[in-house]
């Protein structure tokens, strides 16, 4: 696996990134993680809209052609 020299630190346990987490996550798992994270953010945003936004009620009218009323 390729590691950039400036983003690594060497410790007794082996090569790790700055955050201390080994960078051995497979690309499919990384993709699924970010897709799930994105879906979670969208779900939370939708739930926040439902909880905090109240729609303003208003009247609606639409003209009807007289030909349609005489059937």
N, C-alpha and C. Protein backbone atom coordinates (compact mmCIF):
# COMPACT_ATOMS: atom_id res chain seq x y z
N UNK A 1 0.84 -1.17 0.00
CA UNK A 1 0.00 0.00 0.00
C UNK A 1 0.89 1.23 0.00
N UNK A 2 0.48 2.27 -0.72
CA UNK A 2 1.27 3.49 -0.88
C UNK A 2 0.95 4.46 0.25
N UNK A 3 1.94 4.97 0.91
CA UNK A 3 1.80 5.98 1.94
C UNK A 3 2.65 7.17 1.58
N UNK A 4 2.10 8.36 1.73
CA UNK A 4 2.88 9.57 1.47
C UNK A 4 3.76 9.85 2.67
N UNK A 5 4.98 10.23 2.42
CA UNK A 5 5.96 10.36 3.50
C UNK A 5 5.60 11.46 4.49
N UNK A 6 4.92 12.51 4.08
CA UNK A 6 4.62 13.61 5.00
C UNK A 6 3.41 13.33 5.88
N UNK A 7 2.60 12.32 5.55
CA UNK A 7 1.39 12.06 6.33
C UNK A 7 1.55 10.88 7.28
N UNK A 8 2.77 10.45 7.53
CA UNK A 8 2.97 9.28 8.36
C UNK A 8 3.80 9.59 9.61
N UNK A 9 3.58 8.77 10.59
CA UNK A 9 4.48 8.78 11.74
C UNK A 9 4.78 7.33 12.08
N UNK A 10 5.96 7.08 12.48
CA UNK A 10 6.38 5.71 12.79
C UNK A 10 6.30 5.53 14.30
N UNK A 11 5.59 4.51 14.72
CA UNK A 11 5.53 4.20 16.15
C UNK A 11 5.93 2.74 16.30
N UNK A 12 5.95 2.28 17.52
CA UNK A 12 6.37 0.92 17.78
C UNK A 12 5.46 -0.12 17.14
N UNK A 13 4.17 0.22 16.94
CA UNK A 13 3.21 -0.73 16.40
C UNK A 13 3.20 -0.80 14.89
N UNK A 14 3.91 0.04 14.21
CA UNK A 14 3.91 0.02 12.74
C UNK A 14 3.59 1.38 12.18
N UNK A 15 3.29 1.43 10.92
CA UNK A 15 3.02 2.69 10.23
C UNK A 15 1.56 3.04 10.40
N UNK A 16 1.30 4.25 10.87
CA UNK A 16 -0.06 4.73 11.07
C UNK A 16 -0.14 6.17 10.58
N UNK A 17 -1.37 6.63 10.37
CA UNK A 17 -1.57 8.01 9.95
C UNK A 17 -1.54 8.92 11.17
N UNK A 18 -1.73 10.24 10.95
CA UNK A 18 -1.71 11.19 12.06
C UNK A 18 -2.79 10.92 13.08
N UNK A 19 -3.93 10.42 12.64
CA UNK A 19 -5.02 10.17 13.57
C UNK A 19 -4.81 8.90 14.39
N UNK A 20 -3.82 8.10 14.03
CA UNK A 20 -3.54 6.90 14.77
C UNK A 20 -4.29 5.68 14.27
N UNK A 21 -5.07 5.83 13.21
CA UNK A 21 -5.85 4.73 12.66
C UNK A 21 -5.10 4.17 11.46
N UNK A 22 -4.96 2.88 11.41
CA UNK A 22 -4.28 2.26 10.27
C UNK A 22 -5.10 2.49 9.00
N UNK A 23 -4.45 2.76 7.90
CA UNK A 23 -5.13 3.07 6.65
C UNK A 23 -5.25 1.82 5.79
N UNK A 24 -5.84 0.76 6.32
CA UNK A 24 -5.99 -0.49 5.59
C UNK A 24 -7.43 -0.77 5.21
N UNK A 25 -8.31 0.25 5.26
CA UNK A 25 -9.71 0.03 4.94
C UNK A 25 -9.85 -0.22 3.43
N UNK A 26 -10.52 -1.29 3.03
CA UNK A 26 -10.72 -1.56 1.60
C UNK A 26 -11.58 -0.48 0.94
N UNK A 27 -11.38 -0.29 -0.35
CA UNK A 27 -12.08 0.78 -1.03
C UNK A 27 -13.60 0.56 -1.06
N UNK A 28 -14.07 -0.69 -1.15
CA UNK A 28 -15.51 -0.93 -1.13
C UNK A 28 -16.11 -0.54 0.21
N UNK A 29 -15.46 -0.89 1.28
CA UNK A 29 -15.97 -0.52 2.61
C UNK A 29 -15.94 1.00 2.79
N UNK A 30 -14.92 1.64 2.29
CA UNK A 30 -14.84 3.10 2.38
C UNK A 30 -15.98 3.73 1.58
N UNK A 31 -16.26 3.20 0.39
CA UNK A 31 -17.37 3.71 -0.42
C UNK A 31 -18.69 3.52 0.31
N UNK A 32 -18.93 2.33 0.82
CA UNK A 32 -20.18 2.07 1.54
C UNK A 32 -20.32 2.93 2.78
N UNK A 33 -19.22 3.17 3.46
CA UNK A 33 -19.24 4.03 4.64
C UNK A 33 -19.67 5.45 4.26
N UNK A 34 -19.07 6.00 3.21
CA UNK A 34 -19.40 7.37 2.83
C UNK A 34 -20.79 7.48 2.22
N UNK A 35 -21.25 6.47 1.51
CA UNK A 35 -22.62 6.48 1.00
C UNK A 35 -23.60 6.43 2.17
N UNK A 36 -23.34 5.58 3.15
CA UNK A 36 -24.19 5.52 4.34
C UNK A 36 -24.17 6.82 5.13
N UNK A 37 -23.00 7.42 5.24
CA UNK A 37 -22.88 8.71 5.94
C UNK A 37 -23.67 9.79 5.22
N UNK A 38 -23.57 9.81 3.89
CA UNK A 38 -24.32 10.79 3.09
C UNK A 38 -25.82 10.58 3.25
N UNK A 39 -26.28 9.34 3.19
CA UNK A 39 -27.70 9.05 3.37
C UNK A 39 -28.18 9.43 4.77
N UNK A 40 -27.33 9.21 5.76
CA UNK A 40 -27.68 9.61 7.12
C UNK A 40 -27.84 11.11 7.26
N UNK A 41 -26.97 11.87 6.63
CA UNK A 41 -27.07 13.33 6.67
C UNK A 41 -28.35 13.79 5.99
N UNK A 42 -28.68 13.19 4.85
CA UNK A 42 -29.91 13.55 4.15
C UNK A 42 -31.13 13.20 5.01
N UNK A 43 -31.11 12.04 5.66
CA UNK A 43 -32.22 11.64 6.53
C UNK A 43 -32.39 12.61 7.69
N UNK A 44 -31.30 13.00 8.32
CA UNK A 44 -31.38 13.93 9.45
C UNK A 44 -31.90 15.29 8.98
N UNK A 45 -31.47 15.74 7.80
CA UNK A 45 -31.95 17.02 7.27
C UNK A 45 -33.46 16.96 7.00
N UNK A 46 -33.93 15.85 6.43
CA UNK A 46 -35.36 15.70 6.18
C UNK A 46 -36.14 15.66 7.49
N UNK A 47 -35.62 14.96 8.49
CA UNK A 47 -36.30 14.89 9.79
C UNK A 47 -36.33 16.28 10.44
N UNK A 48 -35.27 17.06 10.29
CA UNK A 48 -35.26 18.41 10.84
C UNK A 48 -36.29 19.29 10.15
N UNK A 49 -36.46 19.13 8.84
CA UNK A 49 -37.49 19.91 8.13
C UNK A 49 -38.88 19.55 8.63
N UNK A 50 -39.13 18.28 8.85
CA UNK A 50 -40.44 17.85 9.35
C UNK A 50 -40.68 18.41 10.75
N UNK A 51 -39.65 18.41 11.58
CA UNK A 51 -39.83 18.81 12.98
C UNK A 51 -39.92 20.32 13.16
N UNK A 52 -39.19 21.09 12.36
CA UNK A 52 -39.05 22.51 12.66
C UNK A 52 -39.72 23.46 11.66
N UNK A 53 -40.19 22.99 10.52
CA UNK A 53 -40.81 23.87 9.54
C UNK A 53 -42.30 23.57 9.48
N UNK A 54 -43.09 24.59 9.70
CA UNK A 54 -44.55 24.47 9.66
C UNK A 54 -45.05 25.14 8.38
N UNK A 55 -45.70 24.40 7.49
CA UNK A 55 -46.18 25.02 6.25
C UNK A 55 -47.34 25.98 6.53
N UNK A 56 -47.38 27.06 5.76
CA UNK A 56 -48.45 28.04 5.93
C UNK A 56 -49.66 27.60 5.09
N UNK A 57 -50.82 27.40 5.73
CA UNK A 57 -52.01 27.00 4.96
C UNK A 57 -52.50 28.18 4.11
N UNK A 58 -52.98 27.88 2.91
CA UNK A 58 -53.52 28.92 2.03
C UNK A 58 -54.61 28.32 1.16
N UNK A 59 -55.48 29.18 0.67
CA UNK A 59 -56.56 28.73 -0.20
C UNK A 59 -56.03 28.51 -1.60
N UNK A 60 -56.67 27.56 -2.26
CA UNK A 60 -56.29 27.27 -3.63
C UNK A 60 -57.55 27.26 -4.48
N UNK A 61 -57.50 27.94 -5.61
CA UNK A 61 -58.63 27.91 -6.53
C UNK A 61 -58.10 27.77 -7.94
N UNK A 62 -58.88 27.06 -8.75
CA UNK A 62 -58.49 26.83 -10.14
C UNK A 62 -59.75 26.95 -10.99
N UNK A 63 -59.68 27.74 -12.05
CA UNK A 63 -60.88 27.89 -12.89
C UNK A 63 -61.22 26.58 -13.62
N UNK A 64 -62.53 26.33 -13.73
CA UNK A 64 -63.02 25.13 -14.40
C UNK A 64 -63.81 25.58 -15.63
N UNK A 65 -63.56 24.96 -16.75
CA UNK A 65 -64.26 25.31 -17.99
C UNK A 65 -65.73 24.91 -17.86
N UNK A 66 -66.63 25.73 -18.36
CA UNK A 66 -68.06 25.39 -18.26
C UNK A 66 -68.41 24.09 -18.97
N UNK A 67 -67.69 23.73 -20.03
CA UNK A 67 -68.00 22.48 -20.74
C UNK A 67 -67.82 21.26 -19.83
N UNK A 68 -66.92 21.34 -18.92
CA UNK A 68 -66.67 20.22 -18.02
C UNK A 68 -67.76 20.09 -16.96
N UNK A 69 -68.45 21.18 -16.63
CA UNK A 69 -69.49 21.14 -15.62
C UNK A 69 -70.80 20.55 -16.15
N UNK A 70 -71.07 20.66 -17.44
CA UNK A 70 -72.35 20.21 -18.02
C UNK A 70 -72.35 18.76 -18.41
N UNK A 71 -71.35 18.00 -18.13
CA UNK A 71 -71.33 16.57 -18.51
C UNK A 71 -72.15 15.74 -17.59
